[in-house]
Amino acid sequence: PLSPPNIPNIIIILCGNKKDLDADREVTFLEASRFAQENELMFLETSALTGENVEEGFLKCARTILNKIDSGELDPERMGSGIQYGDASLRQLRQPRGAGPAQIKQQCNC
């Protein structure tokens, strides 16, 4: 049987593809969903043909990573965390923890 790697803080989304070919399916939604739940994976069924849930998989992954950064579980500044900020100019777009809209507006030079 397939088992996911045991790596802390890794984000894995199990994507069942070809959702549009329901008649040809080999694994039921329930089987896949149960496997994902037992292995602490997120689960989506997708279709590249219709586009259903394709973008949602990437968005779910990104949201989960951002939530882990906000909660302090992940630190992009720490070597070996598996994530890092991109271009330094983009770092300024990230809202500081605890900063409300009023604080952000004060920092704005527009």
N, C-alpha and C. Protein backbone atom coordinates (compact mmCIF):
# COMPACT_ATOMS: atom_id res chain seq x y z
N PRO A 1 0.82 -1.21 0.00
CA PRO A 1 0.00 0.00 0.00
C PRO A 1 0.86 1.26 0.00
N LEU A 2 0.30 2.29 -0.57
CA LEU A 2 0.95 3.58 -0.65
C LEU A 2 0.90 4.28 0.70
N SER A 3 1.99 4.88 1.13
CA SER A 3 1.95 5.67 2.36
C SER A 3 2.74 6.94 2.15
N PRO A 4 2.22 8.08 2.66
CA PRO A 4 2.90 9.36 2.48
C PRO A 4 4.16 9.44 3.34
N PRO A 5 5.11 10.27 2.94
CA PRO A 5 6.33 10.42 3.73
C PRO A 5 6.04 11.06 5.07
N ASN A 6 6.81 10.70 6.08
CA ASN A 6 6.64 11.27 7.41
C ASN A 6 7.62 12.42 7.59
N ILE A 7 7.28 13.56 7.01
CA ILE A 7 8.12 14.75 7.08
C ILE A 7 7.30 15.83 7.77
N PRO A 8 7.82 16.41 8.86
CA PRO A 8 7.04 17.42 9.57
C PRO A 8 6.77 18.64 8.70
N ASN A 9 5.59 19.19 8.85
CA ASN A 9 5.17 20.42 8.17
C ASN A 9 5.08 20.32 6.65
N ILE A 10 5.09 19.13 6.10
CA ILE A 10 4.92 19.01 4.65
C ILE A 10 3.43 19.09 4.33
N ILE A 11 3.13 19.76 3.25
CA ILE A 11 1.74 19.90 2.83
C ILE A 11 1.51 18.96 1.65
N ILE A 12 0.60 18.01 1.81
CA ILE A 12 0.30 17.07 0.74
C ILE A 12 -1.19 17.12 0.44
N ILE A 13 -1.50 17.29 -0.83
CA ILE A 13 -2.88 17.22 -1.27
C ILE A 13 -3.00 16.03 -2.20
N LEU A 14 -3.86 15.12 -1.85
CA LEU A 14 -4.14 13.97 -2.70
C LEU A 14 -5.18 14.40 -3.72
N CYS A 15 -4.80 14.38 -4.99
CA CYS A 15 -5.71 14.80 -6.06
C CYS A 15 -6.13 13.59 -6.88
N GLY A 16 -7.42 13.32 -6.85
CA GLY A 16 -7.97 12.29 -7.73
C GLY A 16 -8.28 12.97 -9.05
N ASN A 17 -7.60 12.54 -10.12
CA ASN A 17 -7.79 13.23 -11.39
C ASN A 17 -8.83 12.52 -12.27
N LYS A 18 -9.16 13.16 -13.36
CA LYS A 18 -10.14 12.66 -14.33
C LYS A 18 -11.52 12.49 -13.70
N LYS A 19 -11.91 13.44 -12.87
CA LYS A 19 -13.22 13.40 -12.23
C LYS A 19 -14.35 13.34 -13.25
N ASP A 20 -14.10 13.86 -14.44
CA ASP A 20 -15.12 13.88 -15.49
C ASP A 20 -15.40 12.49 -16.07
N LEU A 21 -14.53 11.51 -15.79
CA LEU A 21 -14.71 10.16 -16.30
C LEU A 21 -15.25 9.23 -15.20
N ASP A 22 -16.37 9.60 -14.63
CA ASP A 22 -16.94 8.90 -13.49
C ASP A 22 -17.19 7.41 -13.78
N ALA A 23 -17.59 7.08 -14.99
CA ALA A 23 -17.90 5.69 -15.34
C ALA A 23 -16.65 4.81 -15.34
N ASP A 24 -15.48 5.39 -15.53
CA ASP A 24 -14.23 4.62 -15.60
C ASP A 24 -13.45 4.60 -14.29
N ARG A 25 -14.04 5.09 -13.23
CA ARG A 25 -13.26 5.24 -12.00
C ARG A 25 -12.90 3.89 -11.41
N GLU A 26 -11.71 3.83 -10.80
CA GLU A 26 -11.20 2.62 -10.17
C GLU A 26 -11.21 2.71 -8.65
N VAL A 27 -11.25 3.94 -8.13
CA VAL A 27 -11.28 4.17 -6.69
C VAL A 27 -12.49 5.05 -6.39
N THR A 28 -13.30 4.66 -5.44
CA THR A 28 -14.47 5.46 -5.11
C THR A 28 -14.05 6.71 -4.35
N PHE A 29 -14.93 7.71 -4.37
CA PHE A 29 -14.68 8.94 -3.61
C PHE A 29 -14.48 8.59 -2.14
N LEU A 30 -15.31 7.70 -1.62
CA LEU A 30 -15.23 7.33 -0.21
C LEU A 30 -13.89 6.68 0.13
N GLU A 31 -13.42 5.77 -0.72
CA GLU A 31 -12.12 5.12 -0.49
C GLU A 31 -10.98 6.14 -0.46
N ALA A 32 -10.98 7.02 -1.44
CA ALA A 32 -9.92 8.03 -1.52
C ALA A 32 -10.00 9.00 -0.35
N SER A 33 -11.20 9.41 -0.03
CA SER A 33 -11.40 10.35 1.07
C SER A 33 -10.97 9.72 2.40
N ARG A 34 -11.32 8.48 2.59
CA ARG A 34 -10.94 7.78 3.82
C ARG A 34 -9.42 7.63 3.91
N PHE A 35 -8.77 7.27 2.78
CA PHE A 35 -7.31 7.15 2.76
C PHE A 35 -6.66 8.49 3.13
N ALA A 36 -7.18 9.56 2.54
CA ALA A 36 -6.63 10.89 2.82
C ALA A 36 -6.78 11.24 4.30
N GLN A 37 -7.95 10.97 4.84
CA GLN A 37 -8.20 11.29 6.25
C GLN A 37 -7.30 10.46 7.16
N GLU A 38 -7.16 9.17 6.89
CA GLU A 38 -6.32 8.30 7.72
C GLU A 38 -4.85 8.71 7.68
N ASN A 39 -4.43 9.33 6.58
CA ASN A 39 -3.03 9.73 6.42
C ASN A 39 -2.82 11.23 6.56
N GLU A 40 -3.83 11.92 7.09
CA GLU A 40 -3.78 13.36 7.33
C GLU A 40 -3.40 14.15 6.09
N LEU A 41 -4.05 13.82 4.97
CA LEU A 41 -3.85 14.50 3.70
C LEU A 41 -5.09 15.30 3.36
N MET A 42 -4.91 16.38 2.64
CA MET A 42 -6.06 17.06 2.06
C MET A 42 -6.46 16.28 0.82
N PHE A 43 -7.71 16.35 0.43
CA PHE A 43 -8.17 15.57 -0.71
C PHE A 43 -9.08 16.39 -1.61
N LEU A 44 -8.83 16.29 -2.89
CA LEU A 44 -9.67 16.93 -3.91
C LEU A 44 -9.80 15.99 -5.09
N GLU A 45 -10.93 16.01 -5.73
CA GLU A 45 -11.07 15.34 -7.02
C GLU A 45 -11.04 16.44 -8.08
N THR A 46 -10.28 16.22 -9.14
CA THR A 46 -10.07 17.26 -10.14
C THR A 46 -10.35 16.75 -11.54
N SER A 47 -10.54 17.68 -12.44
CA SER A 47 -10.67 17.37 -13.86
C SER A 47 -9.93 18.42 -14.66
N ALA A 48 -8.90 18.01 -15.36
CA ALA A 48 -8.19 18.95 -16.23
C ALA A 48 -9.07 19.31 -17.43
N LEU A 49 -9.94 18.38 -17.84
CA LEU A 49 -10.81 18.63 -18.99
C LEU A 49 -11.77 19.78 -18.71
N THR A 50 -12.43 19.74 -17.55
CA THR A 50 -13.40 20.79 -17.21
C THR A 50 -12.78 21.91 -16.39
N GLY A 51 -11.59 21.65 -15.81
CA GLY A 51 -10.93 22.64 -14.97
C GLY A 51 -11.40 22.59 -13.52
N GLU A 52 -12.30 21.68 -13.22
CA GLU A 52 -12.86 21.60 -11.87
C GLU A 52 -11.79 21.30 -10.82
N ASN A 53 -11.69 22.14 -9.82
CA ASN A 53 -10.80 22.00 -8.67
C ASN A 53 -9.30 22.03 -8.99
N VAL A 54 -8.93 22.32 -10.22
CA VAL A 54 -7.50 22.36 -10.55
C VAL A 54 -6.83 23.51 -9.81
N GLU A 55 -7.37 24.71 -9.96
CA GLU A 55 -6.81 25.87 -9.27
C GLU A 55 -6.99 25.75 -7.76
N GLU A 56 -8.09 25.16 -7.34
CA GLU A 56 -8.37 25.03 -5.90
C GLU A 56 -7.28 24.24 -5.18
N GLY A 57 -6.69 23.26 -5.83
CA GLY A 57 -5.61 22.49 -5.22
C GLY A 57 -4.43 23.37 -4.85
N PHE A 58 -4.05 24.24 -5.77
CA PHE A 58 -2.94 25.15 -5.51
C PHE A 58 -3.31 26.17 -4.43
N LEU A 59 -4.54 26.67 -4.49
CA LEU A 59 -4.98 27.65 -3.50
C LEU A 59 -5.04 27.04 -2.10
N LYS A 60 -5.54 25.81 -1.99
CA LYS A 60 -5.59 25.14 -0.68
C LYS A 60 -4.19 24.97 -0.10
N CYS A 61 -3.27 24.57 -0.95
CA CYS A 61 -1.89 24.39 -0.52
C CYS A 61 -1.30 25.71 -0.02
N ALA A 62 -1.48 26.77 -0.80
CA ALA A 62 -0.95 28.08 -0.43
C ALA A 62 -1.59 28.60 0.85
N ARG A 63 -2.92 28.43 0.98
CA ARG A 63 -3.61 28.88 2.21
C ARG A 63 -3.08 28.13 3.43
N THR A 64 -2.86 26.85 3.29
CA THR A 64 -2.37 26.05 4.41
C THR A 64 -0.97 26.50 4.82
N ILE A 65 -0.12 26.75 3.85
CA ILE A 65 1.24 27.23 4.15
C ILE A 65 1.18 28.60 4.84
N LEU A 66 0.37 29.52 4.32
CA LEU A 66 0.25 30.84 4.94
C LEU A 66 -0.29 30.75 6.36
N ASN A 67 -1.26 29.87 6.59
CA ASN A 67 -1.80 29.68 7.94
C ASN A 67 -0.73 29.15 8.89
N LYS A 68 0.12 28.25 8.38
CA LYS A 68 1.21 27.72 9.22
C LYS A 68 2.26 28.79 9.51
N ILE A 69 2.49 29.68 8.57
CA ILE A 69 3.41 30.80 8.81
C ILE A 69 2.82 31.73 9.85
N ASP A 70 1.53 32.07 9.69
CA ASP A 70 0.87 32.97 10.63
C ASP A 70 0.81 32.39 12.04
N SER A 71 0.64 31.08 12.16
CA SER A 71 0.56 30.45 13.49
C SER A 71 1.94 30.22 14.10
N GLY A 72 3.01 30.42 13.31
CA GLY A 72 4.35 30.22 13.81
C GLY A 72 4.89 28.81 13.61
N GLU A 73 4.07 27.91 13.03
CA GLU A 73 4.53 26.54 12.77
C GLU A 73 5.65 26.50 11.74
N LEU A 74 5.58 27.37 10.76
CA LEU A 74 6.60 27.47 9.73
C LEU A 74 7.25 28.84 9.78
N ASP A 75 8.56 28.87 9.59
CA ASP A 75 9.29 30.13 9.57
C ASP A 75 10.12 30.20 8.29
N PRO A 76 9.69 31.02 7.33
CA PRO A 76 10.43 31.12 6.06
C PRO A 76 11.86 31.63 6.22
N GLU A 77 12.16 32.27 7.33
CA GLU A 77 13.51 32.79 7.57
C GLU A 77 14.45 31.69 8.06
N ARG A 78 13.91 30.57 8.53
CA ARG A 78 14.74 29.49 9.08
C ARG A 78 15.21 28.57 7.96
N MET A 79 16.51 28.36 7.89
CA MET A 79 17.08 27.44 6.91
C MET A 79 16.49 26.06 7.12
N GLY A 80 16.18 25.38 6.05
CA GLY A 80 15.66 24.02 6.15
C GLY A 80 14.18 23.94 6.44
N SER A 81 13.49 25.08 6.45
CA SER A 81 12.05 25.04 6.72
C SER A 81 11.28 24.51 5.52
N GLY A 82 11.93 24.52 4.35
CA GLY A 82 11.27 24.03 3.15
C GLY A 82 10.58 25.12 2.35
N ILE A 83 10.50 26.32 2.93
CA ILE A 83 9.89 27.45 2.23
C ILE A 83 10.77 28.66 2.41
N GLN A 84 10.62 29.59 1.53
CA GLN A 84 11.35 30.85 1.66
C GLN A 84 10.59 31.92 0.90
N TYR A 85 10.80 33.15 1.30
CA TYR A 85 10.22 34.26 0.58
C TYR A 85 10.91 34.40 -0.76
N GLY A 86 10.22 34.90 -1.73
CA GLY A 86 10.81 35.15 -3.04
C GLY A 86 11.53 36.47 -3.05
N ASP A 87 11.29 37.26 -4.06
CA ASP A 87 11.89 38.57 -4.26
C ASP A 87 11.73 39.42 -2.99
N ALA A 88 12.81 40.05 -2.56
CA ALA A 88 12.79 40.85 -1.33
C ALA A 88 11.72 41.95 -1.36
N SER A 89 11.44 42.50 -2.53
CA SER A 89 10.43 43.56 -2.61
C SER A 89 9.04 43.01 -2.30
N LEU A 90 8.82 41.73 -2.50
CA LEU A 90 7.52 41.13 -2.20
C LEU A 90 7.31 40.93 -0.71
N ARG A 91 8.38 40.84 0.05
CA ARG A 91 8.27 40.64 1.50
C ARG A 91 7.52 41.80 2.15
N GLN A 92 7.66 42.99 1.58
CA GLN A 92 7.00 44.16 2.15
C GLN A 92 5.49 44.10 1.98
N LEU A 93 5.01 43.26 1.07
CA LEU A 93 3.57 43.14 0.85
C LEU A 93 2.90 42.34 1.96
N ARG A 94 3.68 41.55 2.67
CA ARG A 94 3.13 40.71 3.72
C ARG A 94 2.79 41.56 4.94
N GLN A 95 1.59 41.41 5.44
CA GLN A 95 1.12 42.17 6.59
C GLN A 95 1.82 41.68 7.86
N PRO A 96 2.42 42.59 8.64
CA PRO A 96 3.07 42.17 9.89
C PRO A 96 2.03 41.58 10.84
N ARG A 97 2.46 40.60 11.66
CA ARG A 97 1.53 39.99 12.62
C ARG A 97 0.94 41.04 13.54
N GLY A 98 -0.37 40.96 13.71
CA GLY A 98 -1.05 41.87 14.62
C GLY A 98 -1.31 43.25 14.05
N ALA A 99 -0.89 43.51 12.84
CA ALA A 99 -1.11 44.83 12.25
C ALA A 99 -2.51 44.90 11.67
N GLY A 100 -3.22 45.89 12.04
CA GLY A 100 -4.57 46.10 11.51
C GLY A 100 -4.52 47.01 10.30
N PRO A 101 -5.67 47.22 9.65
CA PRO A 101 -5.71 48.08 8.45
C PRO A 101 -5.20 49.49 8.71
N ALA A 102 -5.44 50.03 9.91
CA ALA A 102 -4.99 51.40 10.21
C ALA A 102 -3.47 51.48 10.20
N GLN A 103 -2.81 50.46 10.78
CA GLN A 103 -1.34 50.46 10.80
C GLN A 103 -0.77 50.34 9.41
N ILE A 104 -1.40 49.53 8.59
CA ILE A 104 -0.90 49.33 7.22
C ILE A 104 -1.05 50.62 6.43
N LYS A 105 -2.18 51.31 6.59
CA LYS A 105 -2.40 52.55 5.85
C LYS A 105 -1.37 53.60 6.25
N GLN A 106 -0.98 53.63 7.54
CA GLN A 106 0.03 54.59 7.99
C GLN A 106 1.38 54.33 7.33
N GLN A 107 1.68 53.06 7.04
CA GLN A 107 2.96 52.70 6.45
C GLN A 107 2.98 53.00 4.95
N CYS A 108 1.82 53.14 4.37
CA CYS A 108 1.72 53.33 2.92
C CYS A 108 2.20 54.72 2.53
N ASN A 109 2.94 54.82 1.44
CA ASN A 109 3.44 56.12 0.97
C ASN A 109 2.59 56.68 -0.17
N CYS A 110 1.38 56.18 -0.33
CA CYS A 110 0.57 56.66 -1.46
C CYS A 110 -0.30 57.83 -1.08
